[in-house]
C-alpha cells in the first residue's frame, strides 16, 4: 500500500520553506525601498578608468583584477558597485571594523569610493570549485533553507547563481572564497558584524550550525 506520510511531511516542510522565503522577500523589498531612497540622494557616478589608477594600493590583497588569491581576503571582481561603496563607507565610519581596511578607507573621498567601485565592478570574476563532500548539504541549505530551525534559503536574497540584488545592496557571493564566506557568517552570528541594516544576516547566521556554515560557504565558492 502507498504510504502518504513521507509525502505529507515533505509538503509540510516545503510549505514552511515557502513561508520563510515570502517573509524574507517582503523584508528585502522594504529594505530596498529605504536603501534606494538614500542612494538617490547621495550617489555619485564612478569613473572606472580613474578607479583603476586609484586601485594600486588595493591589488596587494584583492589582486590586480579584483580576484584575490588569498582565501582570507575577498575577491571583489564583478561585485556590485553599490555594495562596494557601502562597505567602504562602513569601514571609514567604523561601522565595520578591520585592521587592514579601516586605515585604507580613511583617506578615501566619496568620489574615490565610487571610482574604485566602478573599476572593480567591471572586472570579470574567476570561478572556483566547491568541496565535493559539502555540495549536497550546502546546496540544500542555500536553495531550501532549514525548516526545522526556520532558516530562510540564501537564494531568496542572493539569487540562484549567487549574483545578489544590487538595488537592495545584497552582494554577489558567487565564487567567493569559502574561508571568507565562513568568516563573515561567523561574524554575523557572533554580532561582530552589524552592517546589515535589516539585521537579517545576523538573525539567519545565528541559526546556522558550524557544519552548516562550512557546507554553504563551500557551495557558494563553487557557484557560477
N, C-alpha and C. Protein backbone atom coordinates (compact mmCIF):
# COMPACT_ATOMS: atom_id res chain seq x y z
N UNK A 1 0.86 -1.20 0.00
CA UNK A 1 0.00 0.00 0.00
C UNK A 1 0.89 1.25 0.00
N UNK A 2 0.48 2.26 -0.74
CA UNK A 2 1.23 3.51 -0.80
C UNK A 2 1.12 4.26 0.53
N UNK A 3 2.25 4.68 1.03
CA UNK A 3 2.29 5.40 2.31
C UNK A 3 2.39 6.89 2.04
N UNK A 4 1.37 7.63 2.40
CA UNK A 4 1.34 9.07 2.12
C UNK A 4 2.04 9.90 3.16
N UNK A 5 2.49 9.30 4.28
CA UNK A 5 3.10 10.06 5.38
C UNK A 5 4.35 10.81 4.96
N UNK A 6 5.32 10.14 4.25
CA UNK A 6 6.51 10.88 3.84
C UNK A 6 6.19 12.05 2.92
N UNK A 7 5.23 11.82 2.00
CA UNK A 7 4.86 12.90 1.09
C UNK A 7 4.23 14.06 1.85
N UNK A 8 3.37 13.75 2.80
CA UNK A 8 2.73 14.81 3.60
C UNK A 8 3.77 15.59 4.38
N UNK A 9 4.76 14.87 4.92
CA UNK A 9 5.81 15.53 5.68
C UNK A 9 6.63 16.45 4.78
N UNK A 10 6.93 15.96 3.56
CA UNK A 10 7.69 16.77 2.62
C UNK A 10 6.93 18.02 2.21
N UNK A 11 5.62 17.86 1.95
CA UNK A 11 4.80 19.01 1.56
C UNK A 11 4.75 20.04 2.69
N UNK A 12 4.68 19.55 3.92
CA UNK A 12 4.64 20.45 5.07
C UNK A 12 5.95 21.23 5.18
N UNK A 13 7.06 20.51 4.96
CA UNK A 13 8.37 21.16 5.04
C UNK A 13 8.53 22.18 3.92
N UNK A 14 8.08 21.83 2.70
CA UNK A 14 8.17 22.77 1.58
C UNK A 14 7.32 24.01 1.83
N UNK A 15 6.16 23.82 2.44
CA UNK A 15 5.28 24.95 2.74
C UNK A 15 5.95 25.88 3.74
N UNK A 16 6.62 25.29 4.72
CA UNK A 16 7.31 26.10 5.73
C UNK A 16 8.43 26.91 5.09
N UNK A 17 9.15 26.26 4.16
CA UNK A 17 10.22 26.98 3.47
C UNK A 17 9.68 28.12 2.64
N UNK A 18 8.53 27.88 2.00
CA UNK A 18 7.93 28.91 1.17
C UNK A 18 7.51 30.11 2.01
N UNK A 19 6.95 29.84 3.20
CA UNK A 19 6.54 30.94 4.08
C UNK A 19 7.74 31.76 4.51
N UNK A 20 8.85 31.07 4.81
CA UNK A 20 10.06 31.79 5.22
C UNK A 20 10.59 32.65 4.09
N UNK A 21 10.59 32.12 2.87
CA UNK A 21 11.09 32.86 1.72
C UNK A 21 10.23 34.08 1.43
N UNK A 22 8.90 33.91 1.54
CA UNK A 22 7.99 35.03 1.30
C UNK A 22 8.23 36.14 2.33
N UNK A 23 8.39 35.74 3.58
CA UNK A 23 8.63 36.73 4.63
C UNK A 23 9.93 37.47 4.40
N UNK A 24 10.97 36.72 4.01
CA UNK A 24 12.26 37.35 3.78
C UNK A 24 12.22 38.27 2.58
N UNK A 25 11.51 37.86 1.53
CA UNK A 25 11.40 38.70 0.34
C UNK A 25 10.67 40.00 0.65
N UNK A 26 9.62 39.92 1.47
CA UNK A 26 8.89 41.13 1.86
C UNK A 26 9.81 42.08 2.62
N UNK A 27 10.63 41.49 3.47
CA UNK A 27 11.58 42.29 4.24
C UNK A 27 12.62 42.92 3.32
N UNK A 28 13.04 42.14 2.31
CA UNK A 28 14.03 42.64 1.37
C UNK A 28 13.49 43.81 0.56
N UNK A 29 12.22 43.71 0.15
CA UNK A 29 11.61 44.79 -0.62
C UNK A 29 11.55 46.08 0.20
N UNK A 30 11.18 45.94 1.46
CA UNK A 30 11.13 47.12 2.32
C UNK A 30 12.51 47.73 2.48
N UNK A 31 13.50 46.87 2.66
CA UNK A 31 14.87 47.36 2.79
C UNK A 31 15.35 48.02 1.51
N UNK A 32 14.96 47.46 0.37
CA UNK A 32 15.37 48.00 -0.92
C UNK A 32 14.84 49.42 -1.11
N UNK A 33 13.59 49.63 -0.74
CA UNK A 33 12.97 50.94 -0.90
C UNK A 33 13.73 51.99 -0.09
N UNK A 34 14.06 51.62 1.15
CA UNK A 34 14.78 52.55 2.02
C UNK A 34 16.17 52.84 1.47
N UNK A 35 16.86 51.79 1.02
CA UNK A 35 18.21 51.97 0.51
C UNK A 35 18.22 52.79 -0.78
N UNK A 36 17.24 52.56 -1.63
CA UNK A 36 17.16 53.31 -2.88
C UNK A 36 16.92 54.79 -2.62
N UNK A 37 16.10 55.09 -1.62
CA UNK A 37 15.83 56.49 -1.28
C UNK A 37 17.11 57.20 -0.87
N UNK A 38 17.92 56.52 -0.08
CA UNK A 38 19.20 57.11 0.35
C UNK A 38 20.15 57.23 -0.83
N UNK A 39 20.21 56.17 -1.65
CA UNK A 39 21.13 56.17 -2.78
C UNK A 39 20.83 57.28 -3.76
N UNK A 40 19.55 57.53 -4.01
CA UNK A 40 19.18 58.56 -4.95
C UNK A 40 19.58 59.95 -4.50
N UNK A 41 19.72 60.11 -3.19
CA UNK A 41 20.09 61.41 -2.65
C UNK A 41 21.59 61.67 -2.72
N UNK A 42 22.40 60.60 -2.60
CA UNK A 42 23.82 60.84 -2.41
C UNK A 42 24.73 60.12 -3.40
N UNK A 43 24.19 59.39 -4.36
CA UNK A 43 25.05 58.61 -5.23
C UNK A 43 25.76 59.49 -6.25
N UNK A 44 27.08 59.29 -6.37
CA UNK A 44 27.86 59.94 -7.40
C UNK A 44 28.14 58.90 -8.47
N UNK A 45 28.61 59.36 -9.63
CA UNK A 45 28.88 58.42 -10.71
C UNK A 45 30.36 58.08 -10.70
N UNK A 46 30.66 56.77 -10.67
CA UNK A 46 32.04 56.35 -10.63
C UNK A 46 32.68 56.31 -12.00
N UNK A 47 33.98 56.56 -12.04
CA UNK A 47 34.76 56.52 -13.27
C UNK A 47 35.70 55.33 -13.18
N UNK A 48 35.47 54.30 -13.99
CA UNK A 48 36.25 53.07 -13.89
C UNK A 48 37.72 53.29 -14.21
N UNK A 49 38.01 54.16 -15.19
CA UNK A 49 39.40 54.43 -15.55
C UNK A 49 40.14 55.10 -14.40
N UNK A 50 39.48 56.05 -13.76
CA UNK A 50 40.09 56.71 -12.60
C UNK A 50 40.23 55.71 -11.46
N UNK A 51 39.26 54.84 -11.33
CA UNK A 51 39.32 53.82 -10.28
C UNK A 51 40.47 52.88 -10.46
N UNK A 52 40.80 52.54 -11.69
CA UNK A 52 41.94 51.65 -11.95
C UNK A 52 43.23 52.28 -11.47
N UNK A 53 43.38 53.58 -11.69
CA UNK A 53 44.58 54.28 -11.22
C UNK A 53 44.63 54.33 -9.70
N UNK A 54 43.48 54.54 -9.09
CA UNK A 54 43.43 54.65 -7.63
C UNK A 54 43.54 53.30 -6.93
N UNK A 55 43.39 52.21 -7.69
CA UNK A 55 43.36 50.87 -7.10
C UNK A 55 44.74 50.27 -6.86
N UNK A 56 45.81 51.03 -7.09
CA UNK A 56 47.16 50.49 -6.96
C UNK A 56 47.45 49.95 -5.56
N UNK A 57 46.83 50.53 -4.56
CA UNK A 57 47.06 50.06 -3.19
C UNK A 57 46.13 48.90 -2.81
N UNK A 58 45.15 48.62 -3.66
CA UNK A 58 44.19 47.55 -3.36
C UNK A 58 44.68 46.19 -3.84
N UNK A 59 45.58 46.21 -4.83
CA UNK A 59 45.94 44.96 -5.51
C UNK A 59 46.71 43.99 -4.61
N UNK A 60 47.38 44.50 -3.59
CA UNK A 60 48.16 43.62 -2.71
C UNK A 60 47.29 42.57 -2.05
N UNK A 61 46.06 42.93 -1.73
CA UNK A 61 45.14 41.99 -1.08
C UNK A 61 44.10 41.43 -2.04
N UNK A 62 43.56 42.28 -2.90
CA UNK A 62 42.43 41.88 -3.73
C UNK A 62 42.83 41.44 -5.14
N UNK A 63 44.12 41.53 -5.45
CA UNK A 63 44.57 41.10 -6.77
C UNK A 63 44.47 42.22 -7.80
N UNK A 64 45.27 42.10 -8.85
CA UNK A 64 45.31 43.13 -9.89
C UNK A 64 43.94 43.35 -10.51
N UNK A 65 43.19 42.27 -10.70
CA UNK A 65 41.88 42.37 -11.33
C UNK A 65 40.74 42.15 -10.35
N UNK A 66 41.03 42.24 -9.06
CA UNK A 66 39.98 42.07 -8.06
C UNK A 66 39.73 40.63 -7.65
N UNK A 67 40.48 39.70 -8.22
CA UNK A 67 40.36 38.29 -7.85
C UNK A 67 41.46 37.94 -6.87
N UNK A 68 41.11 37.86 -5.61
CA UNK A 68 42.08 37.60 -4.56
C UNK A 68 42.61 36.17 -4.63
N UNK A 69 43.91 36.02 -4.36
CA UNK A 69 44.49 34.67 -4.33
C UNK A 69 44.57 34.13 -2.90
N UNK A 70 44.36 35.00 -1.93
CA UNK A 70 44.35 34.60 -0.52
C UNK A 70 42.89 34.42 -0.09
N UNK A 71 42.50 33.21 0.32
CA UNK A 71 41.10 32.97 0.68
C UNK A 71 40.61 33.74 1.89
N UNK A 72 41.52 34.35 2.64
CA UNK A 72 41.12 35.17 3.78
C UNK A 72 40.63 36.55 3.34
N UNK A 73 41.02 36.96 2.14
CA UNK A 73 40.64 38.26 1.60
C UNK A 73 39.65 38.07 0.47
N UNK A 74 38.59 38.85 0.42
CA UNK A 74 37.54 38.61 -0.58
C UNK A 74 37.94 39.00 -1.99
N UNK A 75 37.44 38.26 -2.94
CA UNK A 75 37.51 38.68 -4.34
C UNK A 75 36.39 39.70 -4.55
N UNK A 76 36.72 40.81 -5.19
CA UNK A 76 35.72 41.85 -5.40
C UNK A 76 35.50 42.12 -6.89
N UNK A 77 36.10 41.31 -7.74
CA UNK A 77 35.87 41.44 -9.18
C UNK A 77 34.40 41.11 -9.48
N UNK A 78 33.75 42.01 -10.19
CA UNK A 78 32.35 41.80 -10.55
C UNK A 78 31.36 42.08 -9.43
N UNK A 79 31.87 42.53 -8.29
CA UNK A 79 30.96 42.87 -7.19
C UNK A 79 30.16 44.12 -7.55
N UNK A 80 28.92 44.21 -7.09
CA UNK A 80 28.09 45.37 -7.39
C UNK A 80 28.73 46.64 -6.84
N UNK A 81 28.79 47.66 -7.66
CA UNK A 81 29.41 48.92 -7.26
C UNK A 81 28.76 49.50 -6.01
N UNK A 82 27.42 49.39 -5.95
CA UNK A 82 26.71 49.94 -4.80
C UNK A 82 27.16 49.28 -3.50
N UNK A 83 27.39 47.99 -3.57
CA UNK A 83 27.80 47.26 -2.37
C UNK A 83 29.23 47.61 -1.97
N UNK A 84 30.12 47.75 -2.95
CA UNK A 84 31.50 48.12 -2.64
C UNK A 84 31.53 49.48 -1.94
N UNK A 85 30.78 50.44 -2.48
CA UNK A 85 30.73 51.77 -1.87
C UNK A 85 30.20 51.69 -0.44
N UNK A 86 29.15 50.93 -0.26
CA UNK A 86 28.54 50.79 1.07
C UNK A 86 29.55 50.24 2.08
N UNK A 87 30.33 49.25 1.68
CA UNK A 87 31.30 48.66 2.60
C UNK A 87 32.46 49.60 2.88
N UNK A 88 32.92 50.32 1.87
CA UNK A 88 33.99 51.30 2.09
C UNK A 88 33.52 52.39 3.06
N UNK A 89 32.28 52.82 2.92
CA UNK A 89 31.73 53.81 3.83
C UNK A 89 31.66 53.26 5.26
N UNK A 90 31.30 51.98 5.37
CA UNK A 90 31.20 51.35 6.69
C UNK A 90 32.57 51.23 7.35
N UNK A 91 33.58 50.89 6.57
CA UNK A 91 34.94 50.80 7.11
C UNK A 91 35.41 52.19 7.56
N UNK A 92 35.12 53.20 6.75
CA UNK A 92 35.58 54.55 7.08
C UNK A 92 34.88 55.10 8.31
N UNK A 93 33.61 54.81 8.46
CA UNK A 93 32.84 55.33 9.60
C UNK A 93 33.09 54.54 10.89
N UNK A 94 33.64 53.34 10.74
CA UNK A 94 33.84 52.48 11.91
C UNK A 94 32.70 51.53 12.16
N UNK A 95 31.66 51.60 11.32
CA UNK A 95 30.52 50.68 11.47
C UNK A 95 30.95 49.24 11.21
N UNK A 96 31.93 49.09 10.34
CA UNK A 96 32.55 47.78 10.10
C UNK A 96 34.03 47.91 10.37
N UNK A 97 34.58 47.02 11.15
CA UNK A 97 35.98 47.14 11.58
C UNK A 97 36.85 46.05 10.98
N UNK A 98 38.03 46.47 10.54
CA UNK A 98 39.02 45.55 10.03
C UNK A 98 40.38 46.24 10.11
N UNK A 99 41.35 45.53 10.63
CA UNK A 99 42.67 46.14 10.86
C UNK A 99 43.33 46.63 9.57
N UNK A 100 43.02 46.00 8.45
CA UNK A 100 43.60 46.41 7.18
C UNK A 100 42.73 47.43 6.45
N UNK A 101 41.41 47.16 6.39
CA UNK A 101 40.54 48.00 5.59
C UNK A 101 40.21 49.34 6.24
N UNK A 102 40.16 49.39 7.54
CA UNK A 102 39.83 50.66 8.20
C UNK A 102 40.83 51.75 7.84
N UNK A 103 42.14 51.55 8.03
CA UNK A 103 43.08 52.62 7.65
C UNK A 103 43.12 52.89 6.15
N UNK A 104 42.84 51.86 5.33
CA UNK A 104 42.85 52.07 3.88
C UNK A 104 41.69 52.96 3.44
N UNK A 105 40.58 52.88 4.15
CA UNK A 105 39.38 53.62 3.75
C UNK A 105 39.37 55.07 4.23
N UNK A 106 40.11 55.35 5.28
CA UNK A 106 40.05 56.68 5.90
C UNK A 106 40.35 57.84 4.94
N UNK A 107 41.38 57.74 4.09
CA UNK A 107 41.66 58.89 3.20
C UNK A 107 40.78 58.97 1.97
N UNK A 108 39.89 58.00 1.76
CA UNK A 108 39.08 57.97 0.55
C UNK A 108 37.94 58.98 0.59
N UNK A 109 37.78 59.72 -0.48
CA UNK A 109 36.63 60.61 -0.62
C UNK A 109 35.46 59.81 -1.18
N UNK A 110 34.30 60.42 -1.22
CA UNK A 110 33.13 59.74 -1.80
C UNK A 110 33.38 59.41 -3.27
N UNK A 111 34.03 60.35 -3.98
CA UNK A 111 34.32 60.10 -5.40
C UNK A 111 35.33 58.98 -5.57
N UNK A 112 36.32 58.92 -4.68
CA UNK A 112 37.30 57.82 -4.72
C UNK A 112 36.58 56.48 -4.60
N UNK A 113 35.66 56.40 -3.66
CA UNK A 113 34.92 55.16 -3.45
C UNK A 113 34.11 54.77 -4.68
N UNK A 114 33.45 55.75 -5.28
CA UNK A 114 32.65 55.48 -6.47
C UNK A 114 33.54 55.02 -7.62
N UNK A 115 34.71 55.64 -7.77
CA UNK A 115 35.61 55.28 -8.85
C UNK A 115 36.16 53.86 -8.66
N UNK A 116 36.60 53.55 -7.45
CA UNK A 116 37.11 52.21 -7.15
C UNK A 116 36.03 51.16 -7.38
N UNK A 117 34.83 51.48 -6.94
CA UNK A 117 33.71 50.55 -7.10
C UNK A 117 33.42 50.29 -8.57
N UNK A 118 33.44 51.35 -9.38
CA UNK A 118 33.18 51.20 -10.82
C UNK A 118 34.25 50.33 -11.48
N UNK A 119 35.50 50.52 -11.07
CA UNK A 119 36.59 49.73 -11.64
C UNK A 119 36.45 48.25 -11.31
N UNK A 120 36.27 47.92 -10.04
CA UNK A 120 36.21 46.51 -9.65
C UNK A 120 34.92 45.83 -10.13
N UNK A 121 33.85 46.59 -10.21
CA UNK A 121 32.59 46.02 -10.70
C UNK A 121 32.72 45.59 -12.15
N UNK A 122 33.61 46.24 -12.89
CA UNK A 122 33.78 45.94 -14.31
C UNK A 122 34.71 44.76 -14.58
N UNK A 123 35.37 44.25 -13.54
CA UNK A 123 36.33 43.15 -13.72
C UNK A 123 35.61 41.80 -13.72
N UNK A 124 35.98 40.90 -14.62
CA UNK A 124 35.33 39.57 -14.65
C UNK A 124 35.81 38.69 -13.50
N UNK A 125 34.88 38.12 -12.75
CA UNK A 125 35.27 37.22 -11.65
C UNK A 125 35.71 35.86 -12.17
N UNK A 126 36.61 35.23 -11.44
CA UNK A 126 37.07 33.89 -11.80
C UNK A 126 36.27 32.86 -11.01
N UNK A 127 36.02 31.75 -11.62
CA UNK A 127 35.29 30.69 -10.94
C UNK A 127 36.18 29.86 -10.03
N UNK A 128 35.61 29.37 -8.93
CA UNK A 128 36.31 28.48 -8.02
C UNK A 128 35.49 27.19 -7.90
N UNK A 129 36.04 26.21 -7.24
CA UNK A 129 35.36 24.94 -7.09
C UNK A 129 34.96 24.69 -5.63
N UNK A 130 33.86 24.00 -5.46
CA UNK A 130 33.39 23.65 -4.12
C UNK A 130 33.98 22.31 -3.70
N UNK A 131 34.02 22.10 -2.39
CA UNK A 131 34.41 20.80 -1.84
C UNK A 131 33.26 19.82 -2.17
N UNK A 132 33.56 18.78 -2.92
CA UNK A 132 32.51 17.86 -3.37
C UNK A 132 31.74 17.24 -2.20
N UNK A 133 32.41 17.04 -1.08
CA UNK A 133 31.74 16.42 0.06
C UNK A 133 30.74 17.35 0.73
N UNK A 134 30.80 18.64 0.40
CA UNK A 134 29.91 19.62 1.02
C UNK A 134 28.85 20.15 0.07
N UNK A 135 28.88 19.72 -1.18
CA UNK A 135 27.95 20.26 -2.17
C UNK A 135 26.50 19.95 -1.82
N UNK A 136 26.19 18.70 -1.49
CA UNK A 136 24.79 18.32 -1.25
C UNK A 136 24.19 19.07 -0.05
N UNK A 137 24.82 19.04 1.13
CA UNK A 137 24.22 19.79 2.24
C UNK A 137 24.25 21.30 2.02
N UNK A 138 25.29 21.79 1.35
CA UNK A 138 25.37 23.22 1.08
C UNK A 138 24.30 23.68 0.12
N UNK A 139 24.07 22.89 -0.92
CA UNK A 139 23.03 23.22 -1.90
C UNK A 139 21.65 23.17 -1.25
N UNK A 140 21.42 22.18 -0.41
CA UNK A 140 20.12 22.04 0.26
C UNK A 140 19.81 23.27 1.12
N UNK A 141 20.81 23.75 1.83
CA UNK A 141 20.61 24.92 2.69
C UNK A 141 20.46 26.19 1.86
N UNK A 142 21.31 26.34 0.84
CA UNK A 142 21.28 27.54 0.02
C UNK A 142 19.95 27.68 -0.71
N UNK A 143 19.45 26.57 -1.24
CA UNK A 143 18.24 26.62 -2.06
C UNK A 143 16.94 26.39 -1.29
N UNK A 144 17.03 25.68 -0.17
CA UNK A 144 15.81 25.36 0.55
C UNK A 144 15.75 25.81 1.99
N UNK A 145 16.86 26.32 2.53
CA UNK A 145 16.87 26.71 3.93
C UNK A 145 16.76 25.50 4.84
N UNK A 146 16.40 25.75 6.07
CA UNK A 146 16.22 24.68 7.06
C UNK A 146 14.92 24.93 7.79
N UNK A 147 13.89 24.17 7.45
CA UNK A 147 12.57 24.38 8.04
C UNK A 147 12.56 24.13 9.54
N UNK A 148 13.37 23.19 9.99
CA UNK A 148 13.38 22.85 11.42
C UNK A 148 13.86 24.01 12.28
N UNK A 149 14.84 24.75 11.78
CA UNK A 149 15.36 25.89 12.54
C UNK A 149 14.82 27.22 12.03
N UNK A 150 13.89 27.14 11.06
CA UNK A 150 13.28 28.34 10.45
C UNK A 150 14.35 29.25 9.84
N UNK A 151 15.31 28.62 9.18
CA UNK A 151 16.36 29.36 8.49
C UNK A 151 15.97 29.55 7.03
N UNK A 152 15.83 30.79 6.56
CA UNK A 152 15.43 31.02 5.16
C UNK A 152 16.52 30.57 4.19
N UNK A 153 16.12 30.29 2.98
CA UNK A 153 17.05 29.91 1.92
C UNK A 153 17.87 31.13 1.48
N UNK A 154 19.15 30.92 1.25
CA UNK A 154 20.04 32.00 0.80
C UNK A 154 19.61 32.54 -0.55
N UNK A 155 19.01 31.67 -1.35
CA UNK A 155 18.62 32.03 -2.71
C UNK A 155 17.61 33.18 -2.73
N UNK A 156 16.87 33.36 -1.65
CA UNK A 156 15.84 34.41 -1.59
C UNK A 156 16.43 35.79 -1.80
N UNK A 157 17.63 36.02 -1.30
CA UNK A 157 18.27 37.34 -1.44
C UNK A 157 19.43 37.33 -2.45
N UNK A 158 20.19 36.23 -2.46
CA UNK A 158 21.40 36.20 -3.29
C UNK A 158 21.18 35.59 -4.66
N UNK A 159 19.98 35.06 -4.92
CA UNK A 159 19.65 34.57 -6.24
C UNK A 159 20.17 33.17 -6.54
N UNK A 160 19.66 32.54 -7.60
CA UNK A 160 20.02 31.15 -7.91
C UNK A 160 21.49 30.96 -8.24
N UNK A 161 22.14 32.00 -8.77
CA UNK A 161 23.54 31.89 -9.13
C UNK A 161 24.45 32.69 -8.20
N UNK A 162 23.87 33.19 -7.10
CA UNK A 162 24.67 33.92 -6.13
C UNK A 162 25.04 35.33 -6.54
N UNK A 163 24.32 35.89 -7.52
CA UNK A 163 24.69 37.21 -8.03
C UNK A 163 24.09 38.37 -7.24
N UNK A 164 23.27 38.07 -6.24
CA UNK A 164 22.78 39.12 -5.35
C UNK A 164 21.70 40.00 -5.94
N UNK A 165 21.52 41.16 -5.31
CA UNK A 165 20.48 42.11 -5.69
C UNK A 165 21.03 43.52 -5.51
N UNK A 166 21.53 44.16 -6.58
CA UNK A 166 22.16 45.48 -6.46
C UNK A 166 21.30 46.56 -5.79
N UNK A 167 20.01 46.74 -6.19
CA UNK A 167 19.22 47.80 -5.56
C UNK A 167 19.07 47.64 -4.05
N UNK A 168 19.02 46.39 -3.59
CA UNK A 168 18.88 46.14 -2.15
C UNK A 168 20.22 46.06 -1.45
N UNK A 169 21.31 46.23 -2.22
CA UNK A 169 22.68 46.13 -1.69
C UNK A 169 22.99 44.75 -1.13
N UNK A 170 22.35 43.72 -1.72
CA UNK A 170 22.70 42.35 -1.38
C UNK A 170 23.83 41.93 -2.30
N UNK A 171 24.97 41.56 -1.76
CA UNK A 171 26.16 41.36 -2.58
C UNK A 171 26.12 40.10 -3.45
N UNK A 172 26.94 40.15 -4.47
CA UNK A 172 27.21 38.94 -5.24
C UNK A 172 28.16 38.09 -4.39
N UNK A 173 27.83 36.82 -4.22
CA UNK A 173 28.70 35.93 -3.45
C UNK A 173 29.14 34.74 -4.30
N UNK A 174 28.80 34.77 -5.56
CA UNK A 174 29.14 33.70 -6.49
C UNK A 174 30.65 33.56 -6.62
N UNK A 175 31.17 32.36 -6.35
CA UNK A 175 32.59 32.12 -6.49
C UNK A 175 33.47 32.73 -5.42
N UNK A 176 32.86 33.25 -4.37
CA UNK A 176 33.65 33.85 -3.29
C UNK A 176 34.37 32.77 -2.49
N UNK A 177 35.53 33.09 -1.96
CA UNK A 177 36.29 32.13 -1.17
C UNK A 177 35.46 31.59 -0.01
N UNK A 178 35.44 30.28 0.15
CA UNK A 178 34.68 29.66 1.23
C UNK A 178 35.16 30.14 2.59
N UNK A 179 36.47 30.31 2.75
CA UNK A 179 37.02 30.76 4.03
C UNK A 179 36.50 32.15 4.39
N UNK A 180 36.39 33.02 3.39
CA UNK A 180 35.90 34.37 3.65
C UNK A 180 34.40 34.36 3.97
N UNK A 181 33.63 33.58 3.20
CA UNK A 181 32.20 33.47 3.46
C UNK A 181 31.95 32.95 4.87
N UNK A 182 32.68 31.91 5.26
CA UNK A 182 32.51 31.33 6.59
C UNK A 182 32.87 32.35 7.67
N UNK A 183 33.93 33.11 7.44
CA UNK A 183 34.34 34.13 8.42
C UNK A 183 33.27 35.19 8.60
N UNK A 184 32.63 35.60 7.50
CA UNK A 184 31.59 36.64 7.59
C UNK A 184 30.33 36.10 8.26
N UNK A 185 29.97 34.85 7.95
CA UNK A 185 28.80 34.26 8.61
C UNK A 185 29.03 34.14 10.11
N UNK A 186 30.23 33.77 10.49
CA UNK A 186 30.54 33.69 11.92
C UNK A 186 30.55 35.06 12.57
N UNK A 187 30.99 36.08 11.82
CA UNK A 187 30.99 37.44 12.36
C UNK A 187 29.55 37.92 12.57
N UNK A 188 28.68 37.63 11.62
CA UNK A 188 27.26 37.97 11.79
C UNK A 188 26.67 37.19 12.96
N UNK A 189 27.01 35.92 13.05
CA UNK A 189 26.47 35.05 14.10
C UNK A 189 26.83 35.55 15.49
N UNK A 190 28.06 36.02 15.64
CA UNK A 190 28.56 36.47 16.95
C UNK A 190 28.24 37.94 17.22
N UNK A 191 27.69 38.63 16.21
CA UNK A 191 27.38 40.05 16.39
C UNK A 191 28.56 40.96 16.18
N UNK A 192 29.68 40.40 15.68
CA UNK A 192 30.86 41.22 15.42
C UNK A 192 30.68 42.07 14.18
N UNK A 193 29.80 41.65 13.29
CA UNK A 193 29.48 42.44 12.11
C UNK A 193 28.00 42.77 12.13
N UNK A 194 27.69 44.06 12.03
CA UNK A 194 26.30 44.52 12.14
C UNK A 194 25.95 45.51 11.02
N UNK A 195 26.58 45.35 9.86
CA UNK A 195 26.37 46.30 8.78
C UNK A 195 25.11 46.05 7.95
N UNK A 196 24.41 44.96 8.24
CA UNK A 196 23.14 44.70 7.55
C UNK A 196 22.06 45.50 8.26
N UNK A 197 21.54 46.51 7.56
CA UNK A 197 20.57 47.41 8.18
C UNK A 197 19.31 46.70 8.65
N UNK A 198 18.93 45.63 7.96
CA UNK A 198 17.72 44.89 8.34
C UNK A 198 17.98 43.86 9.44
N UNK A 199 19.26 43.60 9.72
CA UNK A 199 19.68 42.59 10.72
C UNK A 199 19.31 41.17 10.29
N UNK A 200 18.89 41.02 9.05
CA UNK A 200 18.50 39.68 8.58
C UNK A 200 19.68 38.71 8.62
N UNK A 201 20.86 39.19 8.21
CA UNK A 201 22.02 38.31 8.20
C UNK A 201 22.41 37.87 9.61
N UNK A 202 22.28 38.75 10.58
CA UNK A 202 22.59 38.37 11.96
C UNK A 202 21.63 37.30 12.46
N UNK A 203 20.35 37.48 12.14
CA UNK A 203 19.34 36.53 12.58
C UNK A 203 19.50 35.18 11.90
N UNK A 204 19.81 35.22 10.60
CA UNK A 204 19.97 33.97 9.86
C UNK A 204 21.22 33.23 10.32
N UNK A 205 22.34 33.94 10.41
CA UNK A 205 23.60 33.30 10.80
C UNK A 205 23.52 32.70 12.19
N UNK A 206 22.75 33.34 13.07
CA UNK A 206 22.63 32.83 14.45
C UNK A 206 21.99 31.46 14.50
N UNK A 207 21.24 31.10 13.45
CA UNK A 207 20.56 29.80 13.42
C UNK A 207 21.41 28.70 12.78
N UNK A 208 22.53 29.08 12.20
CA UNK A 208 23.36 28.12 11.48
C UNK A 208 24.33 27.40 12.42
N UNK A 209 24.46 26.11 12.23
CA UNK A 209 25.47 25.35 12.97
C UNK A 209 26.81 25.55 12.29
N UNK A 210 27.89 25.17 12.97
CA UNK A 210 29.21 25.28 12.37
C UNK A 210 29.30 24.45 11.09
N UNK A 211 28.67 23.27 11.11
CA UNK A 211 28.69 22.40 9.93
C UNK A 211 27.93 23.03 8.77
N UNK A 212 26.81 23.68 9.06
CA UNK A 212 26.03 24.33 8.01
C UNK A 212 26.80 25.50 7.41
N UNK A 213 27.49 26.25 8.24
CA UNK A 213 28.29 27.37 7.74
C UNK A 213 29.36 26.87 6.78
N UNK A 214 30.07 25.82 7.17
CA UNK A 214 31.12 25.29 6.31
C UNK A 214 30.55 24.75 5.00
N UNK A 215 29.40 24.09 5.08
CA UNK A 215 28.79 23.50 3.88
C UNK A 215 28.31 24.56 2.91
N UNK A 216 27.57 25.55 3.40
CA UNK A 216 27.03 26.56 2.50
C UNK A 216 28.13 27.46 1.97
N UNK A 217 29.17 27.70 2.77
CA UNK A 217 30.30 28.51 2.30
C UNK A 217 31.02 27.83 1.15
N UNK A 218 31.19 26.52 1.28
CA UNK A 218 31.84 25.76 0.21
C UNK A 218 30.98 25.74 -1.05
N UNK A 219 29.67 25.58 -0.87
CA UNK A 219 28.76 25.56 -2.01
C UNK A 219 28.81 26.90 -2.75
N UNK A 220 28.82 27.99 -2.02
CA UNK A 220 28.87 29.32 -2.61
C UNK A 220 30.17 29.49 -3.42
N UNK A 221 31.25 28.95 -2.92
CA UNK A 221 32.53 29.05 -3.62
C UNK A 221 32.45 28.45 -5.02
N UNK A 222 31.64 27.43 -5.18
CA UNK A 222 31.52 26.78 -6.48
C UNK A 222 30.39 27.30 -7.35
N UNK A 223 29.64 28.28 -6.88
CA UNK A 223 28.52 28.82 -7.67
C UNK A 223 29.01 29.55 -8.90
N UNK A 224 28.26 29.45 -9.98
CA UNK A 224 28.57 30.17 -11.23
C UNK A 224 27.37 31.05 -11.60
